[in-house]
Amino acid sequence: MSCLHKIGLLVLALTFAGPSASWAQQSGTTKYKCMIQMTNYMGEGAYIVVSLINGKGGYEKTLYVLGSNKKWYPDVKEWHKAFAKKRTDISAITGASVAGGDRSVTVLEIDNAKLNSDYKLRFESAVEDKPYYVKDLEIPLTTESLSAKNEGTGYIRYVRFSPN
């Protein structure tokens, strides 16, 4: 086969593979390591819920819950209201609460179709006998936000993401 034929076949293959390769990256999910650094507050471990929020401000999906004792879930008030209406099994996405000054690393699985559209990630936090923060951190679900250091406003000092 001549060199010209090989180049022609390569161009043809890339032409047809290009759109499907792009589509494959857009469909499905991507896993991100999520490191949460807490402020140095005094008190019990914080319960933190990471949720996917749609463009209308509604809860779309629970991505992770730090704090596995269900008796404290009502303290994360806004999430709990939404969760109680549409109960789902969250046992696979729960972990230990996180204390003041500590950090936690978890893995979040994010639907690629939601990235760079009108979605946000909300980090809600609650600590026993302390104020509740419905938006301790809320960031647009964009590639830019996922590559930046995001500052919290309550018990969370900051959050960083990295591809897993």
N, C-alpha and C. Protein backbone atom coordinates (compact mmCIF):
# COMPACT_ATOMS: atom_id res chain seq x y z
N MET A 1 0.86 -1.16 0.00
CA MET A 1 0.00 0.00 0.00
C MET A 1 0.90 1.23 0.00
N SER A 2 0.58 2.17 -0.83
CA SER A 2 1.42 3.36 -0.94
C SER A 2 1.24 4.25 0.27
N CYS A 3 2.20 5.13 0.48
CA CYS A 3 2.17 6.07 1.60
C CYS A 3 0.95 6.98 1.50
N LEU A 4 0.60 7.38 0.29
CA LEU A 4 -0.54 8.25 0.07
C LEU A 4 -1.84 7.57 0.49
N HIS A 5 -1.96 6.27 0.19
CA HIS A 5 -3.15 5.52 0.60
C HIS A 5 -3.24 5.42 2.12
N LYS A 6 -2.09 5.17 2.75
CA LYS A 6 -2.07 5.06 4.22
C LYS A 6 -2.50 6.37 4.88
N ILE A 7 -2.02 7.49 4.36
CA ILE A 7 -2.40 8.80 4.91
C ILE A 7 -3.89 9.04 4.71
N GLY A 8 -4.39 8.68 3.53
CA GLY A 8 -5.82 8.84 3.25
C GLY A 8 -6.68 8.02 4.20
N LEU A 9 -6.28 6.78 4.45
CA LEU A 9 -7.01 5.93 5.40
C LEU A 9 -6.95 6.48 6.82
N LEU A 10 -5.80 7.01 7.20
CA LEU A 10 -5.65 7.60 8.53
C LEU A 10 -6.56 8.81 8.70
N VAL A 11 -6.59 9.68 7.70
CA VAL A 11 -7.47 10.86 7.75
C VAL A 11 -8.93 10.42 7.82
N LEU A 12 -9.30 9.45 7.02
CA LEU A 12 -10.67 8.94 7.02
C LEU A 12 -11.02 8.35 8.40
N ALA A 13 -10.11 7.57 8.97
CA ALA A 13 -10.36 6.96 10.29
C ALA A 13 -10.51 8.04 11.35
N LEU A 14 -9.65 9.04 11.33
CA LEU A 14 -9.74 10.13 12.32
C LEU A 14 -11.00 10.96 12.15
N THR A 15 -11.45 11.13 10.91
CA THR A 15 -12.67 11.89 10.65
C THR A 15 -13.86 11.21 11.30
N PHE A 16 -13.95 9.89 11.16
CA PHE A 16 -15.08 9.17 11.73
C PHE A 16 -14.91 8.90 13.22
N ALA A 17 -13.68 8.75 13.69
CA ALA A 17 -13.44 8.48 15.10
C ALA A 17 -13.54 9.75 15.93
N GLY A 18 -13.23 10.89 15.35
CA GLY A 18 -13.22 12.16 16.08
C GLY A 18 -14.52 12.45 16.80
N PRO A 19 -15.66 12.52 16.10
CA PRO A 19 -16.92 12.83 16.79
C PRO A 19 -17.30 11.79 17.83
N SER A 20 -17.08 10.51 17.52
CA SER A 20 -17.47 9.49 18.50
C SER A 20 -16.55 9.51 19.70
N ALA A 21 -15.26 9.83 19.49
CA ALA A 21 -14.34 9.93 20.62
C ALA A 21 -14.75 11.09 21.50
N SER A 22 -15.14 12.20 20.89
CA SER A 22 -15.60 13.36 21.64
C SER A 22 -16.87 13.02 22.42
N TRP A 23 -17.80 12.33 21.76
CA TRP A 23 -19.04 11.94 22.41
C TRP A 23 -18.76 11.02 23.59
N ALA A 24 -17.81 10.11 23.45
CA ALA A 24 -17.48 9.17 24.53
C ALA A 24 -16.98 9.92 25.75
N GLN A 25 -16.23 11.01 25.55
CA GLN A 25 -15.74 11.77 26.69
C GLN A 25 -16.88 12.53 27.36
N GLN A 26 -17.89 12.96 26.57
CA GLN A 26 -18.98 13.73 27.14
C GLN A 26 -19.98 12.84 27.87
N SER A 27 -20.19 11.63 27.39
CA SER A 27 -21.11 10.73 28.07
C SER A 27 -20.39 10.04 29.21
N GLY A 28 -21.14 9.48 30.13
CA GLY A 28 -20.51 8.78 31.24
C GLY A 28 -20.16 9.71 32.39
N THR A 29 -19.27 9.25 33.24
CA THR A 29 -18.88 10.01 34.42
C THR A 29 -17.37 10.09 34.54
N THR A 30 -16.93 11.05 35.32
CA THR A 30 -15.51 11.20 35.64
C THR A 30 -15.39 11.24 37.15
N LYS A 31 -14.36 10.60 37.67
CA LYS A 31 -14.11 10.61 39.11
C LYS A 31 -13.09 11.69 39.44
N TYR A 32 -13.38 12.44 40.50
CA TYR A 32 -12.50 13.50 40.98
C TYR A 32 -12.18 13.26 42.45
N LYS A 33 -10.91 13.38 42.81
CA LYS A 33 -10.55 13.41 44.22
C LYS A 33 -10.96 14.77 44.75
N CYS A 34 -11.58 14.77 45.89
CA CYS A 34 -12.06 16.00 46.51
C CYS A 34 -11.44 16.09 47.90
N MET A 35 -10.55 17.06 48.09
CA MET A 35 -9.91 17.26 49.39
C MET A 35 -10.58 18.44 50.09
N ILE A 36 -11.13 18.17 51.27
CA ILE A 36 -11.79 19.20 52.08
C ILE A 36 -10.90 19.50 53.28
N GLN A 37 -10.44 20.73 53.39
CA GLN A 37 -9.65 21.18 54.53
C GLN A 37 -10.58 21.99 55.44
N MET A 38 -10.67 21.59 56.69
CA MET A 38 -11.56 22.24 57.65
C MET A 38 -10.86 23.40 58.37
N THR A 39 -11.66 24.36 58.85
CA THR A 39 -11.12 25.42 59.71
C THR A 39 -10.81 24.82 61.08
N ASN A 40 -10.13 25.58 61.91
CA ASN A 40 -9.77 25.10 63.25
C ASN A 40 -10.86 25.45 64.26
N TYR A 41 -12.06 24.97 64.05
CA TYR A 41 -13.14 25.24 65.00
C TYR A 41 -13.08 24.23 66.16
N MET A 42 -13.68 24.57 67.27
CA MET A 42 -13.77 23.67 68.43
C MET A 42 -15.15 23.02 68.41
N GLY A 43 -15.21 21.75 68.71
CA GLY A 43 -16.50 21.07 68.78
C GLY A 43 -16.46 19.72 68.10
N GLU A 44 -17.64 19.17 67.96
CA GLU A 44 -17.81 17.84 67.35
C GLU A 44 -17.43 17.86 65.87
N GLY A 45 -17.33 16.65 65.29
CA GLY A 45 -17.04 16.54 63.87
C GLY A 45 -18.19 17.09 63.04
N ALA A 46 -17.85 17.69 61.92
CA ALA A 46 -18.85 18.28 61.02
C ALA A 46 -19.46 17.21 60.12
N TYR A 47 -20.75 17.34 59.90
CA TYR A 47 -21.43 16.58 58.88
C TYR A 47 -21.46 17.46 57.65
N ILE A 48 -20.96 16.95 56.54
CA ILE A 48 -20.90 17.71 55.30
C ILE A 48 -21.57 16.90 54.21
N VAL A 49 -22.46 17.55 53.47
CA VAL A 49 -23.12 16.90 52.35
C VAL A 49 -22.71 17.64 51.08
N VAL A 50 -22.26 16.87 50.09
CA VAL A 50 -21.89 17.42 48.79
C VAL A 50 -23.01 17.04 47.82
N SER A 51 -23.65 18.06 47.24
CA SER A 51 -24.80 17.82 46.36
C SER A 51 -24.60 18.47 45.01
N LEU A 52 -25.23 17.87 44.01
CA LEU A 52 -25.31 18.45 42.69
C LEU A 52 -26.59 19.27 42.66
N ILE A 53 -26.46 20.56 42.33
CA ILE A 53 -27.59 21.49 42.32
C ILE A 53 -27.86 21.90 40.88
N ASN A 54 -29.13 21.83 40.46
CA ASN A 54 -29.46 22.19 39.07
C ASN A 54 -29.59 23.70 38.90
N GLY A 55 -29.82 24.13 37.69
CA GLY A 55 -29.89 25.55 37.35
C GLY A 55 -31.01 26.30 38.05
N LYS A 56 -32.03 25.60 38.53
CA LYS A 56 -33.14 26.23 39.25
C LYS A 56 -32.90 26.26 40.75
N GLY A 57 -31.73 25.77 41.19
CA GLY A 57 -31.42 25.76 42.62
C GLY A 57 -31.91 24.53 43.35
N GLY A 58 -32.42 23.53 42.61
CA GLY A 58 -32.94 22.31 43.23
C GLY A 58 -31.88 21.23 43.36
N TYR A 59 -32.10 20.37 44.35
CA TYR A 59 -31.18 19.25 44.58
C TYR A 59 -31.39 18.22 43.49
N GLU A 60 -30.33 17.92 42.76
CA GLU A 60 -30.38 16.94 41.69
C GLU A 60 -29.90 15.57 42.19
N LYS A 61 -28.80 15.58 42.97
CA LYS A 61 -28.21 14.32 43.40
C LYS A 61 -27.29 14.55 44.59
N THR A 62 -27.26 13.60 45.51
CA THR A 62 -26.29 13.60 46.61
C THR A 62 -25.04 12.90 46.11
N LEU A 63 -23.91 13.61 46.15
CA LEU A 63 -22.66 13.03 45.67
C LEU A 63 -21.86 12.38 46.79
N TYR A 64 -21.92 12.95 47.99
CA TYR A 64 -21.19 12.38 49.12
C TYR A 64 -21.72 12.94 50.43
N VAL A 65 -21.67 12.13 51.49
CA VAL A 65 -22.07 12.55 52.83
C VAL A 65 -20.94 12.19 53.79
N LEU A 66 -20.35 13.20 54.43
CA LEU A 66 -19.36 12.96 55.47
C LEU A 66 -20.10 12.97 56.79
N GLY A 67 -20.23 11.81 57.37
CA GLY A 67 -21.01 11.60 58.59
C GLY A 67 -22.01 10.49 58.33
N SER A 68 -21.83 9.39 59.00
CA SER A 68 -22.64 8.21 58.66
C SER A 68 -23.78 7.90 59.65
N ASN A 69 -23.87 8.65 60.75
CA ASN A 69 -24.94 8.39 61.71
C ASN A 69 -26.21 9.11 61.27
N LYS A 70 -27.20 8.37 60.81
CA LYS A 70 -28.42 8.93 60.23
C LYS A 70 -29.19 9.82 61.21
N LYS A 71 -28.98 9.65 62.50
CA LYS A 71 -29.73 10.46 63.46
C LYS A 71 -29.37 11.94 63.36
N TRP A 72 -28.19 12.27 62.77
CA TRP A 72 -27.77 13.67 62.64
C TRP A 72 -28.11 14.26 61.28
N TYR A 73 -28.63 13.47 60.34
CA TYR A 73 -28.95 14.00 59.02
C TYR A 73 -29.93 15.17 59.05
N PRO A 74 -30.93 15.19 59.95
CA PRO A 74 -31.83 16.35 59.99
C PRO A 74 -31.12 17.67 60.32
N ASP A 75 -29.92 17.61 60.89
CA ASP A 75 -29.17 18.84 61.17
C ASP A 75 -28.66 19.50 59.90
N VAL A 76 -28.55 18.74 58.83
CA VAL A 76 -28.19 19.31 57.52
C VAL A 76 -29.52 19.59 56.84
N LYS A 77 -30.15 20.67 57.27
CA LYS A 77 -31.58 20.92 57.08
C LYS A 77 -32.07 20.93 55.64
N GLU A 78 -31.50 21.75 54.79
CA GLU A 78 -32.00 21.88 53.42
C GLU A 78 -31.81 20.58 52.64
N TRP A 79 -30.65 19.97 52.76
CA TRP A 79 -30.42 18.70 52.08
C TRP A 79 -31.39 17.65 52.61
N HIS A 80 -31.58 17.61 53.92
CA HIS A 80 -32.44 16.58 54.51
C HIS A 80 -33.88 16.71 54.02
N LYS A 81 -34.36 17.95 53.85
CA LYS A 81 -35.72 18.15 53.32
C LYS A 81 -35.84 17.53 51.93
N ALA A 82 -34.85 17.80 51.08
CA ALA A 82 -34.87 17.25 49.71
C ALA A 82 -34.69 15.74 49.73
N PHE A 83 -33.79 15.26 50.58
CA PHE A 83 -33.50 13.83 50.68
C PHE A 83 -34.73 13.06 51.18
N ALA A 84 -35.45 13.63 52.14
CA ALA A 84 -36.63 12.97 52.70
C ALA A 84 -37.74 12.83 51.67
N LYS A 85 -37.83 13.77 50.73
CA LYS A 85 -38.85 13.70 49.67
C LYS A 85 -38.54 12.61 48.66
N LYS A 86 -37.27 12.39 48.40
CA LYS A 86 -36.84 11.46 47.35
C LYS A 86 -35.70 10.60 47.89
N ARG A 87 -36.03 9.70 48.80
CA ARG A 87 -35.01 8.86 49.43
C ARG A 87 -34.29 7.98 48.42
N THR A 88 -32.98 7.97 48.55
CA THR A 88 -32.15 7.08 47.74
C THR A 88 -31.16 6.41 48.68
N ASP A 89 -30.60 5.30 48.25
CA ASP A 89 -29.61 4.60 49.06
C ASP A 89 -28.28 5.34 48.95
N ILE A 90 -27.82 5.89 50.07
CA ILE A 90 -26.56 6.64 50.06
C ILE A 90 -25.45 5.91 50.80
N SER A 91 -25.68 4.65 51.14
CA SER A 91 -24.69 3.90 51.93
C SER A 91 -23.33 3.81 51.24
N ALA A 92 -23.31 3.79 49.93
CA ALA A 92 -22.04 3.67 49.21
C ALA A 92 -21.29 5.00 49.10
N ILE A 93 -21.96 6.10 49.48
CA ILE A 93 -21.33 7.41 49.36
C ILE A 93 -21.29 8.14 50.70
N THR A 94 -21.10 7.40 51.78
CA THR A 94 -20.98 8.02 53.09
C THR A 94 -19.63 7.67 53.71
N GLY A 95 -19.18 8.56 54.58
CA GLY A 95 -17.92 8.34 55.27
C GLY A 95 -17.97 9.02 56.63
N ALA A 96 -16.87 9.03 57.32
CA ALA A 96 -16.80 9.61 58.66
C ALA A 96 -16.94 11.13 58.60
N SER A 97 -17.49 11.70 59.69
CA SER A 97 -17.52 13.15 59.80
C SER A 97 -16.07 13.63 59.93
N VAL A 98 -15.87 14.94 59.82
CA VAL A 98 -14.51 15.47 59.84
C VAL A 98 -14.41 16.58 60.87
N ALA A 99 -13.39 16.52 61.72
CA ALA A 99 -13.25 17.44 62.85
C ALA A 99 -12.52 18.72 62.44
N GLY A 100 -12.62 19.70 63.31
CA GLY A 100 -11.95 20.98 63.09
C GLY A 100 -10.46 20.81 62.87
N GLY A 101 -9.92 21.49 61.85
CA GLY A 101 -8.50 21.43 61.53
C GLY A 101 -8.08 20.23 60.71
N ASP A 102 -8.96 19.23 60.60
CA ASP A 102 -8.63 18.01 59.84
C ASP A 102 -8.95 18.21 58.37
N ARG A 103 -8.57 17.20 57.60
CA ARG A 103 -8.93 17.20 56.19
C ARG A 103 -9.47 15.83 55.83
N SER A 104 -10.24 15.82 54.78
CA SER A 104 -10.83 14.58 54.30
C SER A 104 -10.64 14.51 52.79
N VAL A 105 -10.30 13.34 52.30
CA VAL A 105 -10.19 13.14 50.86
C VAL A 105 -11.20 12.07 50.47
N THR A 106 -12.07 12.42 49.54
CA THR A 106 -13.08 11.50 49.05
C THR A 106 -13.03 11.51 47.52
N VAL A 107 -13.75 10.63 46.91
CA VAL A 107 -13.85 10.60 45.46
C VAL A 107 -15.30 10.87 45.09
N LEU A 108 -15.49 11.88 44.23
CA LEU A 108 -16.81 12.21 43.72
C LEU A 108 -16.91 11.76 42.28
N GLU A 109 -18.02 11.15 41.93
CA GLU A 109 -18.26 10.74 40.55
C GLU A 109 -19.27 11.71 39.95
N ILE A 110 -18.83 12.41 38.89
CA ILE A 110 -19.64 13.49 38.31
C ILE A 110 -20.00 13.15 36.87
N ASP A 111 -21.27 13.31 36.55
CA ASP A 111 -21.78 13.09 35.21
C ASP A 111 -21.17 14.13 34.27
N ASN A 112 -20.47 13.69 33.24
CA ASN A 112 -19.80 14.60 32.32
C ASN A 112 -20.76 15.57 31.63
N ALA A 113 -22.00 15.16 31.42
CA ALA A 113 -22.98 16.02 30.75
C ALA A 113 -23.35 17.23 31.62
N LYS A 114 -23.12 17.15 32.92
CA LYS A 114 -23.45 18.26 33.83
C LYS A 114 -22.33 19.30 33.90
N LEU A 115 -21.14 18.91 33.49
CA LEU A 115 -19.97 19.78 33.56
C LEU A 115 -20.07 20.91 32.54
N ASN A 116 -19.71 22.12 32.96
CA ASN A 116 -19.74 23.31 32.11
C ASN A 116 -21.14 23.62 31.58
N SER A 117 -22.14 23.30 32.37
CA SER A 117 -23.51 23.69 32.06
C SER A 117 -24.04 24.46 33.26
N ASP A 118 -25.29 24.41 33.53
CA ASP A 118 -25.88 25.27 34.56
C ASP A 118 -26.01 24.55 35.91
N TYR A 119 -24.99 23.79 36.32
CA TYR A 119 -25.03 23.06 37.57
C TYR A 119 -24.00 23.60 38.55
N LYS A 120 -24.23 23.33 39.84
CA LYS A 120 -23.30 23.75 40.89
C LYS A 120 -23.05 22.57 41.82
N LEU A 121 -21.95 22.65 42.54
CA LEU A 121 -21.68 21.74 43.65
C LEU A 121 -21.90 22.52 44.93
N ARG A 122 -22.72 21.98 45.82
CA ARG A 122 -22.98 22.63 47.10
C ARG A 122 -22.42 21.77 48.22
N PHE A 123 -21.67 22.41 49.11
CA PHE A 123 -21.14 21.78 50.31
C PHE A 123 -21.89 22.39 51.48
N GLU A 124 -22.73 21.58 52.11
CA GLU A 124 -23.54 22.00 53.25
C GLU A 124 -22.90 21.44 54.50
N SER A 125 -22.83 22.22 55.58
CA SER A 125 -22.17 21.70 56.79
C SER A 125 -22.96 22.01 58.05
N ALA A 126 -22.86 21.09 58.99
CA ALA A 126 -23.52 21.23 60.28
C ALA A 126 -22.64 20.59 61.36
N VAL A 127 -22.60 21.26 62.51
CA VAL A 127 -21.88 20.75 63.68
C VAL A 127 -22.83 20.86 64.86
N GLU A 128 -22.85 19.82 65.69
CA GLU A 128 -23.73 19.79 66.86
C GLU A 128 -23.55 21.05 67.71
N ASP A 129 -24.68 21.69 68.06
CA ASP A 129 -24.72 22.89 68.92
C ASP A 129 -23.97 24.08 68.34
N LYS A 130 -23.84 24.13 67.02
CA LYS A 130 -23.18 25.26 66.35
C LYS A 130 -24.02 25.66 65.13
N PRO A 131 -23.70 26.80 64.53
CA PRO A 131 -24.48 27.23 63.35
C PRO A 131 -24.41 26.23 62.19
N TYR A 132 -25.45 26.27 61.39
CA TYR A 132 -25.58 25.42 60.20
C TYR A 132 -25.31 26.31 58.97
N TYR A 133 -24.55 25.80 58.01
CA TYR A 133 -24.22 26.54 56.79
C TYR A 133 -24.79 25.81 55.58
N VAL A 134 -25.89 26.33 55.04
CA VAL A 134 -26.52 25.70 53.88
C VAL A 134 -25.61 25.82 52.66
N LYS A 135 -24.85 26.90 52.56
CA LYS A 135 -23.92 27.08 51.44
C LYS A 135 -22.55 27.39 52.02
N ASP A 136 -21.99 26.42 52.76
CA ASP A 136 -20.63 26.61 53.26
C ASP A 136 -19.71 26.88 52.08
N LEU A 137 -19.97 26.17 50.99
CA LEU A 137 -19.27 26.41 49.73
C LEU A 137 -20.21 25.99 48.61
N GLU A 138 -20.36 26.87 47.63
CA GLU A 138 -21.14 26.53 46.44
C GLU A 138 -20.37 27.06 45.24
N ILE A 139 -20.06 26.15 44.32
CA ILE A 139 -19.25 26.53 43.16
C ILE A 139 -19.92 26.06 41.87
N PRO A 140 -19.75 26.82 40.80
CA PRO A 140 -20.25 26.34 39.50
C PRO A 140 -19.51 25.06 39.11
N LEU A 141 -20.22 24.14 38.52
CA LEU A 141 -19.62 22.88 38.10
C LEU A 141 -18.96 23.09 36.73
N THR A 142 -17.77 23.69 36.77
CA THR A 142 -17.02 23.98 35.54
C THR A 142 -15.61 23.42 35.68
N THR A 143 -14.96 23.23 34.54
CA THR A 143 -13.58 22.76 34.58
C THR A 143 -12.70 23.77 35.30
N GLU A 144 -13.02 25.05 35.16
CA GLU A 144 -12.24 26.10 35.83
C GLU A 144 -12.37 25.97 37.36
N SER A 145 -13.58 25.80 37.87
CA SER A 145 -13.79 25.67 39.32
C SER A 145 -13.16 24.39 39.87
N LEU A 146 -13.22 23.32 39.07
CA LEU A 146 -12.66 22.06 39.53
C LEU A 146 -11.13 22.06 39.53
N SER A 147 -10.52 23.05 38.90
CA SER A 147 -9.06 23.13 38.92
C SER A 147 -8.56 24.23 39.86
N ALA A 148 -9.48 24.91 40.56
CA ALA A 148 -9.11 26.02 41.45
C ALA A 148 -9.25 25.61 42.92
N LYS A 149 -8.65 26.41 43.78
CA LYS A 149 -8.85 26.28 45.23
C LYS A 149 -10.11 27.08 45.55
N ASN A 150 -11.09 26.44 46.18
CA ASN A 150 -12.38 27.05 46.47
C ASN A 150 -12.53 27.25 47.97
N GLU A 151 -12.71 28.51 48.39
CA GLU A 151 -12.78 28.88 49.81
C GLU A 151 -14.19 28.67 50.37
N GLY A 152 -14.28 28.06 51.56
CA GLY A 152 -15.54 27.90 52.24
C GLY A 152 -15.89 29.14 53.06
N THR A 153 -17.10 29.16 53.61
CA THR A 153 -17.55 30.31 54.40
C THR A 153 -17.91 29.93 55.83
N GLY A 154 -17.86 28.65 56.15
CA GLY A 154 -18.23 28.19 57.49
C GLY A 154 -17.15 27.32 58.09
N TYR A 155 -17.41 26.04 58.23
CA TYR A 155 -16.45 25.11 58.81
C TYR A 155 -15.40 24.66 57.80
N ILE A 156 -15.71 24.82 56.52
CA ILE A 156 -14.77 24.43 55.47
C ILE A 156 -13.82 25.59 55.19
N ARG A 157 -12.53 25.34 55.30
CA ARG A 157 -11.54 26.37 54.94
C ARG A 157 -11.45 26.46 53.42
N TYR A 158 -11.21 25.29 52.77
CA TYR A 158 -11.17 25.27 51.30
C TYR A 158 -11.36 23.85 50.81
N VAL A 159 -11.64 23.75 49.50
CA VAL A 159 -11.80 22.48 48.81
C VAL A 159 -10.98 22.53 47.54
N ARG A 160 -10.28 21.43 47.26
CA ARG A 160 -9.53 21.28 46.00
C ARG A 160 -9.94 19.97 45.35
N PHE A 161 -9.93 19.97 44.02
CA PHE A 161 -10.25 18.78 43.23
C PHE A 161 -9.05 18.40 42.38
N SER A 162 -8.96 17.11 42.06
CA SER A 162 -7.99 16.64 41.08
C SER A 162 -8.60 15.41 40.41
N PRO A 163 -8.33 15.24 39.10
CA PRO A 163 -8.85 14.05 38.42
C PRO A 163 -8.33 12.80 39.10
N ASN A 164 -9.16 11.80 39.21
CA ASN A 164 -8.77 10.56 39.88
C ASN A 164 -8.29 9.54 38.88
